[in-house]
Amino acid sequence: MNVALVGVTGYSGMILYQLLQQHPEVAAIRLFGHPDSQTQPLEEAVPNFIGDQTPIEPLDPAAILADCNLIFFATSAGVTTELAAPFIAADFPVIDLSGDYRLQDPQVFTKWYHKPAPAVSALQQSHYGLAEFANAAGHSYIANPGCYATATLLGLAPLVQQHLIAPDSIIVDAKSGTSGAGKKLAASTHFSQTNENLQLYKVNQHQHIPEIMQQLKVWDQNVPAIQFTTTLLPITRGIMSTIYAKTDANAEQLAGAFAATYAALPFVRVLPNGQMPNLKEVVGTNFCDLGVSYNPATQTVMVVSVIDNLIKGAAGQALQNFNQYFGFAATAGLQLATWLP
């Protein structure tokens, strides 16, 4: 099988390229940049890939449609909207790691992304690829979920789906490493600013909020809103989403809901007996680890969800959707080891 990848120079694109290289069903990977770019070898564009002379070519839809079975876009918001039209028109399979096609309402997209929305028909036909709760098979345009959305939705799913919490009581305290901001230079991600520091950012304004709400309302229309706060951690990779909600359920009911929801899913691990996960357990892997704790004094459930933002929150989940689309084994290309120490 041949695949195309646009955006290999970004963090998510780099990781996706590495994962595709070890996927047992991928025979060739063609790399593409913007249509106006010049061809250059990968090692020149990304020096980390020492000795890899794979050319990054200007985007050529005709060549991709003729020679490849699927295209991945690992591009910034707004770029895919500019470049994906020929593939949408040809009903050619696309897995999009950007946020361009995650939201079905164009007005919501414009409000949160501050960019013109894609065509309404394209938005409404895209498949939101939260891999544990949707199957990409049969969907030609697959919108990969955001990293914060993935961690938060996996932590909330059993509670919302089984109506175990007060729908108006959800509070999320989410924290991410600096790679989540991408490679673009910014004062907030400068080493001197992030080192030995914690910074809140985009409070109640993060662009992943509407996709979280969109999915929560699929599960329970009574969820009116969430309180969602994001913090920048002085680390490179990893997301910890700490979720609080009021509940009338007891500890046994809560534990049972998480166990039943994720028992057959290979990439979500529910820790036993109130144990709490940490980032070191998941960085370098496609796992989402969940810890659940109930406080009877306050009738509050706390869920801690941790992922590697570049794998489970981006490239790894894209590969899960790839596997679903073509009917490959769920774990193909994703049998990864946690980074130690």
C-alpha atoms as a PDB file:
ATOM      1  CA  MET A   1       0.000   0.000   0.000  1.00  0.00           C
ATOM      2  CA  ASN A   2       1.250   3.487  -0.893  1.00  0.00           C
ATOM      3  CA  VAL A   3       0.378   6.549   1.176  1.00  0.00           C
ATOM      4  CA  ALA A   4       0.991  10.275   0.819  1.00  0.00           C
ATOM      5  CA  LEU A   5       1.886  12.584   3.700  1.00  0.00           C
ATOM      6  CA  VAL A   6       1.640  16.366   3.597  1.00  0.00           C
ATOM      7  CA  GLY A   7       3.352  18.192   6.468  1.00  0.00           C
ATOM      8  CA  VAL A   8       6.232  15.947   7.513  1.00  0.00           C
ATOM      9  CA  THR A   9       8.226  18.921   8.826  1.00  0.00           C
ATOM     10  CA  GLY A  10       5.810  19.543  11.719  1.00  0.00           C
ATOM     11  CA  TYR A  11       6.002  17.605  14.979  1.00  0.00           C
ATOM     12  CA  SER A  12       2.921  15.466  14.327  1.00  0.00           C
ATOM     13  CA  GLY A  13       4.033  14.867  10.741  1.00  0.00           C
ATOM     14  CA  MET A  14       7.472  13.693  11.874  1.00  0.00           C
ATOM     15  CA  ILE A  15       5.936  11.186  14.287  1.00  0.00           C
ATOM     16  CA  LEU A  16       3.406  10.009  11.708  1.00  0.00           C
ATOM     17  CA  TYR A  17       6.197   9.412   9.189  1.00  0.00           C
ATOM     18  CA  GLN A  18       8.069   7.296  11.751  1.00  0.00           C
ATOM     19  CA  LEU A  19       4.951   5.254  12.529  1.00  0.00           C
ATOM     20  CA  LEU A  20       4.151   4.706   8.853  1.00  0.00           C
ATOM     21  CA  GLN A  21       7.699   3.482   8.241  1.00  0.00           C
ATOM     22  CA  GLN A  22       7.126   0.586  10.626  1.00  0.00           C
ATOM     23  CA  HIS A  23       3.542  -0.185   9.616  1.00  0.00           C
ATOM     24  CA  PRO A  24       3.400  -3.741   8.191  1.00  0.00           C
ATOM     25  CA  GLU A  25       0.914  -2.798   5.443  1.00  0.00           C
ATOM     26  CA  VAL A  26       2.667   0.339   4.144  1.00  0.00           C
ATOM     27  CA  ALA A  27       4.987  -0.287   1.210  1.00  0.00           C
ATOM     28  CA  ALA A  28       5.856   3.302   0.249  1.00  0.00           C
ATOM     29  CA  ILE A  29       5.441   6.801   1.697  1.00  0.00           C
ATOM     30  CA  ARG A  30       5.453   9.807  -0.616  1.00  0.00           C
ATOM     31  CA  LEU A  31       6.115  13.149   1.069  1.00  0.00           C
ATOM     32  CA  PHE A  32       4.629  16.431  -0.139  1.00  0.00           C
ATOM     33  CA  GLY A  33       4.828  20.076   0.806  1.00  0.00           C
ATOM     34  CA  HIS A  34       2.915  23.138  -0.384  1.00  0.00           C
ATOM     35  CA  PRO A  35       2.223  23.251  -4.143  1.00  0.00           C
ATOM     36  CA  ASP A  36       4.552  26.269  -4.445  1.00  0.00           C
ATOM     37  CA  SER A  37       7.464  24.630  -2.631  1.00  0.00           C
ATOM     38  CA  GLN A  38      10.661  23.277  -4.146  1.00  0.00           C
ATOM     39  CA  THR A  39      11.624  19.597  -3.949  1.00  0.00           C
ATOM     40  CA  GLN A  40      14.161  18.891  -1.215  1.00  0.00           C
ATOM     41  CA  PRO A  41      15.414  15.770   0.590  1.00  0.00           C
ATOM     42  CA  LEU A  42      13.850  15.010   3.954  1.00  0.00           C
ATOM     43  CA  GLU A  43      17.150  15.182   5.852  1.00  0.00           C
ATOM     44  CA  GLU A  44      17.632  18.737   4.606  1.00  0.00           C
ATOM     45  CA  ALA A  45      14.175  19.847   5.778  1.00  0.00           C
ATOM     46  CA  VAL A  46      14.292  17.864   9.040  1.00  0.00           C
ATOM     47  CA  PRO A  47      17.923  17.224  10.075  1.00  0.00           C
ATOM     48  CA  ASN A  48      16.785  14.646  12.658  1.00  0.00           C
ATOM     49  CA  PHE A  49      16.200  12.243   9.755  1.00  0.00           C
ATOM     50  CA  ILE A  50      19.908  11.873   9.060  1.00  0.00           C
ATOM     51  CA  GLY A  51      20.594  10.054   5.791  1.00  0.00           C
ATOM     52  CA  ASP A  52      16.941   9.949   4.660  1.00  0.00           C
ATOM     53  CA  GLN A  53      16.939  11.249   1.088  1.00  0.00           C
ATOM     54  CA  THR A  54      13.188  10.784   0.541  1.00  0.00           C
ATOM     55  CA  PRO A  55      12.128  13.813  -1.509  1.00  0.00           C
ATOM     56  CA  ILE A  56       9.531  16.254  -0.216  1.00  0.00           C
ATOM     57  CA  GLU A  57       7.771  17.147  -3.445  1.00  0.00           C
ATOM     58  CA  PRO A  58       5.397  20.011  -4.267  1.00  0.00           C
ATOM     59  CA  LEU A  59       1.845  18.802  -3.733  1.00  0.00           C
ATOM     60  CA  ASP A  60       0.574  17.111  -6.900  1.00  0.00           C
ATOM     61  CA  PRO A  61      -3.024  15.867  -6.536  1.00  0.00           C
ATOM     62  CA  ALA A  62      -2.965  14.041  -9.878  1.00  0.00           C
ATOM     63  CA  ALA A  63       0.121  12.024  -8.902  1.00  0.00           C
ATOM     64  CA  ILE A  64      -1.363  11.168  -5.518  1.00  0.00           C
ATOM     65  CA  LEU A  65      -4.710  10.120  -6.970  1.00  0.00           C
ATOM     66  CA  ALA A  66      -2.890   7.876  -9.455  1.00  0.00           C
ATOM     67  CA  ASP A  67      -0.210   6.346  -7.234  1.00  0.00           C
ATOM     68  CA  CYS A  68      -1.436   6.366  -3.615  1.00  0.00           C
ATOM     69  CA  ASN A  69      -4.209   4.721  -1.637  1.00  0.00           C
ATOM     70  CA  LEU A  70      -4.705   7.483   0.971  1.00  0.00           C
ATOM     71  CA  ILE A  71      -3.376  10.897   1.916  1.00  0.00           C
ATOM     72  CA  PHE A  72      -2.564  12.226   5.397  1.00  0.00           C
ATOM     73  CA  PHE A  73      -2.575  15.965   6.084  1.00  0.00           C
ATOM     74  CA  ALA A  74      -0.427  16.881   9.105  1.00  0.00           C
ATOM     75  CA  THR A  75      -0.818  20.586   8.487  1.00  0.00           C
ATOM     76  CA  SER A  76      -1.777  23.700  10.416  1.00  0.00           C
ATOM     77  CA  ALA A  77      -5.394  24.852  10.679  1.00  0.00           C
ATOM     78  CA  GLY A  78      -6.529  26.465   7.454  1.00  0.00           C
ATOM     79  CA  VAL A  79      -4.019  24.715   5.198  1.00  0.00           C
ATOM     80  CA  THR A  80      -6.043  21.574   4.568  1.00  0.00           C
ATOM     81  CA  THR A  81      -9.039  23.652   3.533  1.00  0.00           C
ATOM     82  CA  GLU A  82      -6.873  25.150   0.784  1.00  0.00           C
ATOM     83  CA  LEU A  83      -5.397  21.852  -0.412  1.00  0.00           C
ATOM     84  CA  ALA A  84      -7.959  19.092   0.100  1.00  0.00           C
ATOM     85  CA  ALA A  85     -10.576  20.080  -2.496  1.00  0.00           C
ATOM     86  CA  PRO A  86      -9.322  17.764  -5.305  1.00  0.00           C
ATOM     87  CA  PHE A  87      -9.359  14.785  -2.953  1.00  0.00           C
ATOM     88  CA  ILE A  88     -12.824  15.572  -1.602  1.00  0.00           C
ATOM     89  CA  ALA A  89     -14.120  15.939  -5.161  1.00  0.00           C
ATOM     90  CA  ALA A  90     -12.634  12.548  -6.102  1.00  0.00           C
ATOM     91  CA  ASP A  91     -13.966  10.889  -2.914  1.00  0.00           C
ATOM     92  CA  PHE A  92     -10.339   9.931  -2.225  1.00  0.00           C
ATOM     93  CA  PRO A  93      -9.554   8.826   1.355  1.00  0.00           C
ATOM     94  CA  VAL A  94      -8.104  11.598   3.523  1.00  0.00           C
ATOM     95  CA  ILE A  95      -7.014  11.534   7.171  1.00  0.00           C
ATOM     96  CA  ASP A  96      -6.676  15.104   8.382  1.00  0.00           C
ATOM     97  CA  LEU A  97      -4.733  15.835  11.578  1.00  0.00           C
ATOM     98  CA  SER A  98      -5.658  19.534  11.512  1.00  0.00           C
ATOM     99  CA  GLY A  99      -8.823  21.006  12.976  1.00  0.00           C
ATOM    100  CA  ASP A 100     -10.295  22.105   9.659  1.00  0.00           C
ATOM    101  CA  TYR A 101     -13.043  19.489   9.333  1.00  0.00           C
ATOM    102  CA  ARG A 102     -13.761  18.521  12.944  1.00  0.00           C
ATOM    103  CA  LEU A 103     -16.677  20.901  13.469  1.00  0.00           C
ATOM    104  CA  GLN A 104     -19.925  20.486  11.551  1.00  0.00           C
ATOM    105  CA  ASP A 105     -21.168  24.058  12.040  1.00  0.00           C
ATOM    106  CA  PRO A 106     -19.257  26.609   9.909  1.00  0.00           C
ATOM    107  CA  GLN A 107     -20.191  29.483  12.237  1.00  0.00           C
ATOM    108  CA  VAL A 108     -18.733  27.612  15.204  1.00  0.00           C
ATOM    109  CA  PHE A 109     -15.582  26.944  13.180  1.00  0.00           C
ATOM    110  CA  THR A 110     -15.135  30.615  12.308  1.00  0.00           C
ATOM    111  CA  LYS A 111     -15.765  31.704  15.899  1.00  0.00           C
ATOM    112  CA  TRP A 112     -13.151  29.401  17.402  1.00  0.00           C
ATOM    113  CA  TYR A 113     -10.518  29.176  14.660  1.00  0.00           C
ATOM    114  CA  HIS A 114     -10.806  32.775  13.422  1.00  0.00           C
ATOM    115  CA  LYS A 115     -10.564  31.568   9.810  1.00  0.00           C
ATOM    116  CA  PRO A 116     -13.062  31.081   6.987  1.00  0.00           C
ATOM    117  CA  ALA A 117     -14.831  27.737   7.324  1.00  0.00           C
ATOM    118  CA  PRO A 118     -14.677  24.959   4.746  1.00  0.00           C
ATOM    119  CA  ALA A 119     -17.776  24.279   2.673  1.00  0.00           C
ATOM    120  CA  VAL A 120     -20.792  23.217   4.730  1.00  0.00           C
ATOM    121  CA  SER A 121     -21.262  20.035   2.699  1.00  0.00           C
ATOM    122  CA  ALA A 122     -17.661  18.983   3.340  1.00  0.00           C
ATOM    123  CA  LEU A 123     -17.918  19.693   7.069  1.00  0.00           C
ATOM    124  CA  GLN A 124     -21.102  17.683   7.417  1.00  0.00           C
ATOM    125  CA  GLN A 125     -19.721  14.717   5.473  1.00  0.00           C
ATOM    126  CA  SER A 126     -16.481  14.456   7.450  1.00  0.00           C
ATOM    127  CA  HIS A 127     -16.091  11.695  10.002  1.00  0.00           C
ATOM    128  CA  TYR A 128     -14.912  12.658  13.513  1.00  0.00           C
ATOM    129  CA  GLY A 129     -12.380   9.926  14.118  1.00  0.00           C
ATOM    130  CA  LEU A 130     -12.383   9.414  17.888  1.00  0.00           C
ATOM    131  CA  ALA A 131     -11.146   5.897  17.305  1.00  0.00           C
ATOM    132  CA  GLU A 132     -12.451   4.236  20.463  1.00  0.00           C
ATOM    133  CA  PHE A 133     -16.031   5.318  19.748  1.00  0.00           C
ATOM    134  CA  ALA A 134     -16.274   5.546  15.964  1.00  0.00           C
ATOM    135  CA  ASN A 135     -15.171   3.429  13.026  1.00  0.00           C
ATOM    136  CA  ALA A 136     -13.532   5.136  10.059  1.00  0.00           C
ATOM    137  CA  ALA A 137     -14.453   2.339   7.659  1.00  0.00           C
ATOM    138  CA  GLY A 138     -16.544   3.680   4.797  1.00  0.00           C
ATOM    139  CA  HIS A 139     -15.736   7.338   5.461  1.00  0.00           C
ATOM    140  CA  SER A 140     -13.540   9.008   2.873  1.00  0.00           C
ATOM    141  CA  TYR A 141     -12.772  12.160   4.903  1.00  0.00           C
ATOM    142  CA  ILE A 142     -11.594  11.437   8.434  1.00  0.00           C
ATOM    143  CA  ALA A 143     -11.024  14.348  10.810  1.00  0.00           C
ATOM    144  CA  ASN A 144      -8.544  13.280  13.475  1.00  0.00           C
ATOM    145  CA  PRO A 145      -9.515  14.647  16.920  1.00  0.00           C
ATOM    146  CA  GLY A 146      -7.416  17.221  18.738  1.00  0.00           C
ATOM    147  CA  CYS A 147      -5.035  16.175  21.496  1.00  0.00           C
ATOM    148  CA  TYR A 148      -6.867  17.877  24.375  1.00  0.00           C
ATOM    149  CA  ALA A 149     -10.172  16.614  22.993  1.00  0.00           C
ATOM    150  CA  THR A 150      -8.897  13.032  22.861  1.00  0.00           C
ATOM    151  CA  ALA A 151      -7.670  12.993  26.452  1.00  0.00           C
ATOM    152  CA  THR A 152     -10.769  14.757  27.782  1.00  0.00           C
ATOM    153  CA  LEU A 153     -13.390  12.784  25.853  1.00  0.00           C
ATOM    154  CA  LEU A 154     -11.857   9.442  26.776  1.00  0.00           C
ATOM    155  CA  GLY A 155     -11.963  10.521  30.417  1.00  0.00           C
ATOM    156  CA  LEU A 156     -15.577  11.673  30.210  1.00  0.00           C
ATOM    157  CA  ALA A 157     -17.123   9.018  27.949  1.00  0.00           C
ATOM    158  CA  PRO A 158     -18.305   6.472  30.543  1.00  0.00           C
ATOM    159  CA  LEU A 159     -19.685   9.217  32.791  1.00  0.00           C
ATOM    160  CA  VAL A 160     -21.604  11.036  30.075  1.00  0.00           C
ATOM    161  CA  GLN A 161     -22.725   8.030  28.051  1.00  0.00           C
ATOM    162  CA  GLN A 162     -24.134   6.308  31.143  1.00  0.00           C
ATOM    163  CA  HIS A 163     -25.556   9.531  32.630  1.00  0.00           C
ATOM    164  CA  LEU A 164     -23.604   9.158  35.856  1.00  0.00           C
ATOM    165  CA  ILE A 165     -22.857  12.851  36.451  1.00  0.00           C
ATOM    166  CA  ALA A 166     -24.697  16.139  36.684  1.00  0.00           C
ATOM    167  CA  PRO A 167     -24.375  17.355  33.069  1.00  0.00           C
ATOM    168  CA  ASP A 168     -23.810  20.981  34.110  1.00  0.00           C
ATOM    169  CA  SER A 169     -20.987  20.237  36.556  1.00  0.00           C
ATOM    170  CA  ILE A 170     -18.048  19.305  34.298  1.00  0.00           C
ATOM    171  CA  ILE A 171     -14.747  21.043  35.073  1.00  0.00           C
ATOM    172  CA  VAL A 172     -11.578  20.175  33.145  1.00  0.00           C
ATOM    173  CA  ASP A 173      -8.062  21.205  34.166  1.00  0.00           C
ATOM    174  CA  ALA A 174      -5.889  20.196  31.200  1.00  0.00           C
ATOM    175  CA  LYS A 175      -2.106  20.537  30.957  1.00  0.00           C
ATOM    176  CA  SER A 176       0.189  20.007  27.954  1.00  0.00           C
ATOM    177  CA  GLY A 177       3.844  19.964  27.029  1.00  0.00           C
ATOM    178  CA  THR A 178       5.205  22.578  24.638  1.00  0.00           C
ATOM    179  CA  SER A 179       5.151  20.359  21.537  1.00  0.00           C
ATOM    180  CA  GLY A 180       1.379  20.801  21.503  1.00  0.00           C
ATOM    181  CA  ALA A 181       1.949  24.370  20.316  1.00  0.00           C
ATOM    182  CA  GLY A 182       3.805  23.168  17.224  1.00  0.00           C
ATOM    183  CA  LYS A 183       7.075  24.502  15.814  1.00  0.00           C
ATOM    184  CA  LYS A 184       6.015  28.099  15.274  1.00  0.00           C
ATOM    185  CA  LEU A 185       8.106  30.486  17.366  1.00  0.00           C
ATOM    186  CA  ALA A 186       6.304  32.239  20.218  1.00  0.00           C
ATOM    187  CA  ALA A 187       7.387  34.082  23.344  1.00  0.00           C
ATOM    188  CA  SER A 188       5.230  31.805  25.507  1.00  0.00           C
ATOM    189  CA  THR A 189       7.124  28.665  24.393  1.00  0.00           C
ATOM    190  CA  HIS A 190      10.616  30.172  24.534  1.00  0.00           C
ATOM    191  CA  PHE A 191      12.836  28.059  26.822  1.00  0.00           C
ATOM    192  CA  SER A 192      13.486  30.968  29.183  1.00  0.00           C
ATOM    193  CA  GLN A 193       9.735  31.437  29.616  1.00  0.00           C
ATOM    194  CA  THR A 194       8.631  27.804  29.927  1.00  0.00           C
ATOM    195  CA  ASN A 195      11.519  26.450  32.007  1.00  0.00           C
ATOM    196  CA  GLU A 196      10.624  26.211  35.722  1.00  0.00           C
ATOM    197  CA  ASN A 197       7.287  27.848  35.018  1.00  0.00           C
ATOM    198  CA  LEU A 198       3.567  27.128  34.645  1.00  0.00           C
ATOM    199  CA  GLN A 199       1.402  29.244  32.340  1.00  0.00           C
ATOM    200  CA  LEU A 200      -2.344  29.267  31.815  1.00  0.00           C
ATOM    201  CA  TYR A 201      -3.376  30.096  28.272  1.00  0.00           C
ATOM    202  CA  LYS A 202      -6.515  30.345  26.148  1.00  0.00           C
ATOM    203  CA  VAL A 203      -8.704  30.073  29.255  1.00  0.00           C
ATOM    204  CA  ASN A 204     -12.238  29.261  28.032  1.00  0.00           C
ATOM    205  CA  GLN A 205     -11.027  30.044  24.500  1.00  0.00           C
ATOM    206  CA  HIS A 206      -9.159  26.924  23.385  1.00  0.00           C
ATOM    207  CA  GLN A 207     -10.191  25.716  19.931  1.00  0.00           C
ATOM    208  CA  HIS A 208     -10.656  22.145  21.167  1.00  0.00           C
ATOM    209  CA  ILE A 209     -13.590  23.183  23.385  1.00  0.00           C
ATOM    210  CA  PRO A 210     -16.219  23.139  20.608  1.00  0.00           C
ATOM    211  CA  GLU A 211     -15.219  19.699  19.341  1.00  0.00           C
ATOM    212  CA  ILE A 212     -15.378  18.364  22.911  1.00  0.00           C
ATOM    213  CA  MET A 213     -18.845  19.872  23.282  1.00  0.00           C
ATOM    214  CA  GLN A 214     -19.938  18.581  19.871  1.00  0.00           C
ATOM    215  CA  GLN A 215     -19.110  15.019  20.888  1.00  0.00           C
ATOM    216  CA  LEU A 216     -20.504  15.326  24.428  1.00  0.00           C
ATOM    217  CA  LYS A 217     -23.841  16.414  22.971  1.00  0.00           C
ATOM    218  CA  VAL A 218     -23.855  13.320  20.766  1.00  0.00           C
ATOM    219  CA  TRP A 219     -23.619  11.289  23.952  1.00  0.00           C
ATOM    220  CA  ASP A 220     -25.963  13.463  26.057  1.00  0.00           C
ATOM    221  CA  GLN A 221     -27.837  16.507  24.729  1.00  0.00           C
ATOM    222  CA  ASN A 222     -28.238  17.781  28.300  1.00  0.00           C
ATOM    223  CA  VAL A 223     -24.584  18.795  28.675  1.00  0.00           C
ATOM    224  CA  PRO A 224     -24.838  22.611  28.403  1.00  0.00           C
ATOM    225  CA  ALA A 225     -21.162  23.584  28.614  1.00  0.00           C
ATOM    226  CA  ILE A 226     -17.870  22.715  30.283  1.00  0.00           C
ATOM    227  CA  GLN A 227     -15.384  24.750  32.263  1.00  0.00           C
ATOM    228  CA  PHE A 228     -12.100  24.096  30.431  1.00  0.00           C
ATOM    229  CA  THR A 229      -8.702  25.456  31.444  1.00  0.00           C
ATOM    230  CA  THR A 230      -5.371  24.787  29.732  1.00  0.00           C
ATOM    231  CA  THR A 231      -1.898  25.058  31.257  1.00  0.00           C
ATOM    232  CA  LEU A 232       1.480  24.901  29.537  1.00  0.00           C
ATOM    233  CA  LEU A 233       3.918  22.524  31.247  1.00  0.00           C
ATOM    234  CA  PRO A 234       7.723  22.919  31.115  1.00  0.00           C
ATOM    235  CA  ILE A 235       8.067  19.561  29.328  1.00  0.00           C
ATOM    236  CA  THR A 236       8.158  18.536  25.668  1.00  0.00           C
ATOM    237  CA  ARG A 237       5.448  15.865  25.377  1.00  0.00           C
ATOM    238  CA  GLY A 238       2.367  14.699  27.206  1.00  0.00           C
ATOM    239  CA  ILE A 239      -1.123  15.808  28.246  1.00  0.00           C
ATOM    240  CA  MET A 240      -2.771  15.372  31.624  1.00  0.00           C
ATOM    241  CA  SER A 241      -6.478  16.159  31.686  1.00  0.00           C
ATOM    242  CA  THR A 242      -7.949  16.231  35.198  1.00  0.00           C
ATOM    243  CA  ILE A 243     -11.743  16.115  35.124  1.00  0.00           C
ATOM    244  CA  TYR A 244     -14.210  16.829  37.942  1.00  0.00           C
ATOM    245  CA  ALA A 245     -17.984  16.378  38.037  1.00  0.00           C
ATOM    246  CA  LYS A 246     -20.776  15.949  40.576  1.00  0.00           C
ATOM    247  CA  THR A 247     -22.320  12.487  40.791  1.00  0.00           C
ATOM    248  CA  ASP A 248     -24.929  10.465  42.641  1.00  0.00           C
ATOM    249  CA  ALA A 249     -23.126   7.234  41.783  1.00  0.00           C
ATOM    250  CA  ASN A 250     -20.865   5.431  44.228  1.00  0.00           C
ATOM    251  CA  ALA A 251     -17.269   4.312  43.752  1.00  0.00           C
ATOM    252  CA  GLU A 252     -18.259   0.797  42.666  1.00  0.00           C
ATOM    253  CA  GLN A 253     -20.684   2.062  40.006  1.00  0.00           C
ATOM    254  CA  LEU A 254     -18.086   4.465  38.644  1.00  0.00           C
ATOM    255  CA  ALA A 255     -15.378   1.818  38.506  1.00  0.00           C
ATOM    256  CA  GLY A 256     -17.774  -0.567  36.787  1.00  0.00           C
ATOM    257  CA  ALA A 257     -18.692   1.992  34.143  1.00  0.00           C
ATOM    258  CA  PHE A 258     -15.052   2.562  33.179  1.00  0.00           C
ATOM    259  CA  ALA A 259     -14.237  -1.143  33.212  1.00  0.00           C
ATOM    260  CA  ALA A 260     -17.200  -2.007  30.991  1.00  0.00           C
ATOM    261  CA  THR A 261     -16.545   0.840  28.526  1.00  0.00           C
ATOM    262  CA  TYR A 262     -12.883   0.073  27.931  1.00  0.00           C
ATOM    263  CA  ALA A 263     -12.581  -3.671  28.560  1.00  0.00           C
ATOM    264  CA  ALA A 264     -12.168  -4.580  24.878  1.00  0.00           C
ATOM    265  CA  LEU A 265     -10.258  -1.509  23.691  1.00  0.00           C
ATOM    266  CA  PRO A 266      -6.498  -2.063  23.373  1.00  0.00           C
ATOM    267  CA  PHE A 267      -5.269   1.508  23.789  1.00  0.00           C
ATOM    268  CA  VAL A 268      -7.175   2.637  26.895  1.00  0.00           C
ATOM    269  CA  ARG A 269      -5.989   1.348  30.259  1.00  0.00           C
ATOM    270  CA  VAL A 270      -8.090   1.948  33.378  1.00  0.00           C
ATOM    271  CA  LEU A 271      -5.913   1.795  36.465  1.00  0.00           C
ATOM    272  CA  PRO A 272      -7.291  -0.284  39.359  1.00  0.00           C
ATOM    273  CA  ASN A 273      -8.170   0.668  42.933  1.00  0.00           C
ATOM    274  CA  GLY A 274      -8.094   4.417  42.559  1.00  0.00           C
ATOM    275  CA  GLN A 275      -4.526   4.532  41.250  1.00  0.00           C
ATOM    276  CA  MET A 276      -3.594   7.676  39.350  1.00  0.00           C
ATOM    277  CA  PRO A 277      -1.616   7.678  36.074  1.00  0.00           C
ATOM    278  CA  ASN A 278       1.348   9.854  35.200  1.00  0.00           C
ATOM    279  CA  LEU A 279       2.846  11.033  31.924  1.00  0.00           C
ATOM    280  CA  LYS A 280       5.907   8.782  32.066  1.00  0.00           C
ATOM    281  CA  GLU A 281       3.588   5.767  31.680  1.00  0.00           C
ATOM    282  CA  VAL A 282       2.311   6.861  28.265  1.00  0.00           C
ATOM    283  CA  VAL A 283       4.880   9.118  26.570  1.00  0.00           C
ATOM    284  CA  GLY A 284       6.177   7.268  23.515  1.00  0.00           C
ATOM    285  CA  THR A 285       3.037   5.105  23.255  1.00  0.00           C
ATOM    286  CA  ASN A 286      -0.492   5.231  21.856  1.00  0.00           C
ATOM    287  CA  PHE A 287      -2.061   4.506  25.255  1.00  0.00           C
ATOM    288  CA  CYS A 288      -4.499   6.630  27.185  1.00  0.00           C
ATOM    289  CA  ASP A 289      -4.270   5.787  30.886  1.00  0.00           C
ATOM    290  CA  LEU A 290      -7.186   6.653  33.167  1.00  0.00           C
ATOM    291  CA  GLY A 291      -7.433   6.927  36.937  1.00  0.00           C
ATOM    292  CA  VAL A 292     -10.786   7.328  38.700  1.00  0.00           C
ATOM    293  CA  SER A 293     -11.366   8.577  42.257  1.00  0.00           C
ATOM    294  CA  TYR A 294     -14.614   9.290  44.102  1.00  0.00           C
ATOM    295  CA  ASN A 295     -14.932  11.662  47.073  1.00  0.00           C
ATOM    296  CA  PRO A 296     -18.116  10.823  49.014  1.00  0.00           C
ATOM    297  CA  ALA A 297     -17.771  13.951  51.155  1.00  0.00           C
ATOM    298  CA  THR A 298     -18.282  16.192  48.121  1.00  0.00           C
ATOM    299  CA  GLN A 299     -20.050  13.682  45.837  1.00  0.00           C
ATOM    300  CA  THR A 300     -17.415  14.460  43.217  1.00  0.00           C
ATOM    301  CA  VAL A 301     -15.748  12.091  40.800  1.00  0.00           C
ATOM    302  CA  MET A 302     -12.253  12.918  39.568  1.00  0.00           C
ATOM    303  CA  VAL A 303     -10.836  11.328  36.430  1.00  0.00           C
ATOM    304  CA  VAL A 304      -7.198  11.746  35.419  1.00  0.00           C
ATOM    305  CA  SER A 305      -6.479  11.065  31.730  1.00  0.00           C
ATOM    306  CA  VAL A 306      -2.934  11.031  30.325  1.00  0.00           C
ATOM    307  CA  ILE A 307      -1.723  10.665  26.731  1.00  0.00           C
ATOM    308  CA  ASP A 308       1.254  11.424  24.532  1.00  0.00           C
ATOM    309  CA  ASN A 309      -0.081  14.438  22.636  1.00  0.00           C
ATOM    310  CA  LEU A 310       1.917  13.637  19.478  1.00  0.00           C
ATOM    311  CA  ILE A 311       0.960   9.943  19.338  1.00  0.00           C
ATOM    312  CA  LYS A 312      -2.431   9.185  20.879  1.00  0.00           C
ATOM    313  CA  GLY A 313      -3.317  12.860  20.485  1.00  0.00           C
ATOM    314  CA  ALA A 314      -2.275  13.039  16.830  1.00  0.00           C
ATOM    315  CA  ALA A 315      -0.218  10.580  14.729  1.00  0.00           C
ATOM    316  CA  GLY A 316      -1.091   7.408  16.633  1.00  0.00           C
ATOM    317  CA  GLN A 317      -4.819   8.027  16.481  1.00  0.00           C
ATOM    318  CA  ALA A 318      -4.430   8.858  12.783  1.00  0.00           C
ATOM    319  CA  LEU A 319      -2.933   5.387  12.369  1.00  0.00           C
ATOM    320  CA  GLN A 320      -5.845   3.890  14.316  1.00  0.00           C
ATOM    321  CA  ASN A 321      -8.203   5.524  11.814  1.00  0.00           C
ATOM    322  CA  PHE A 322      -6.017   4.277   8.951  1.00  0.00           C
ATOM    323  CA  ASN A 323      -6.260   0.736  10.314  1.00  0.00           C
ATOM    324  CA  GLN A 324     -10.028   1.020  10.679  1.00  0.00           C
ATOM    325  CA  TYR A 325     -10.498   2.395   7.176  1.00  0.00           C
ATOM    326  CA  PHE A 326      -8.621  -0.471   5.511  1.00  0.00           C
ATOM    327  CA  GLY A 327      -9.639  -3.203   7.956  1.00  0.00           C
ATOM    328  CA  PHE A 328      -6.135  -3.789   9.325  1.00  0.00           C
ATOM    329  CA  ALA A 329      -5.455  -5.055  12.846  1.00  0.00           C
ATOM    330  CA  ALA A 330      -6.240  -2.352  15.422  1.00  0.00           C
ATOM    331  CA  THR A 331      -2.698  -2.411  16.796  1.00  0.00           C
ATOM    332  CA  ALA A 332      -0.855  -2.544  13.443  1.00  0.00           C
ATOM    333  CA  GLY A 333       2.082  -0.144  13.541  1.00  0.00           C
ATOM    334  CA  LEU A 334       1.258   0.914  17.098  1.00  0.00           C
ATOM    335  CA  GLN A 335       2.986  -1.638  19.290  1.00  0.00           C
ATOM    336  CA  LEU A 336       5.191   0.968  20.939  1.00  0.00           C
ATOM    337  CA  ALA A 337       7.196   0.945  24.159  1.00  0.00           C
ATOM    338  CA  THR A 338       7.082   3.637  26.837  1.00  0.00           C
ATOM    339  CA  TRP A 339      10.184   5.779  26.953  1.00  0.00           C
ATOM    340  CA  LEU A 340      12.408   4.858  29.891  1.00  0.00           C
ATOM    341  CA  PRO A 341      13.607   6.138  32.275  1.00  0.00           C
END
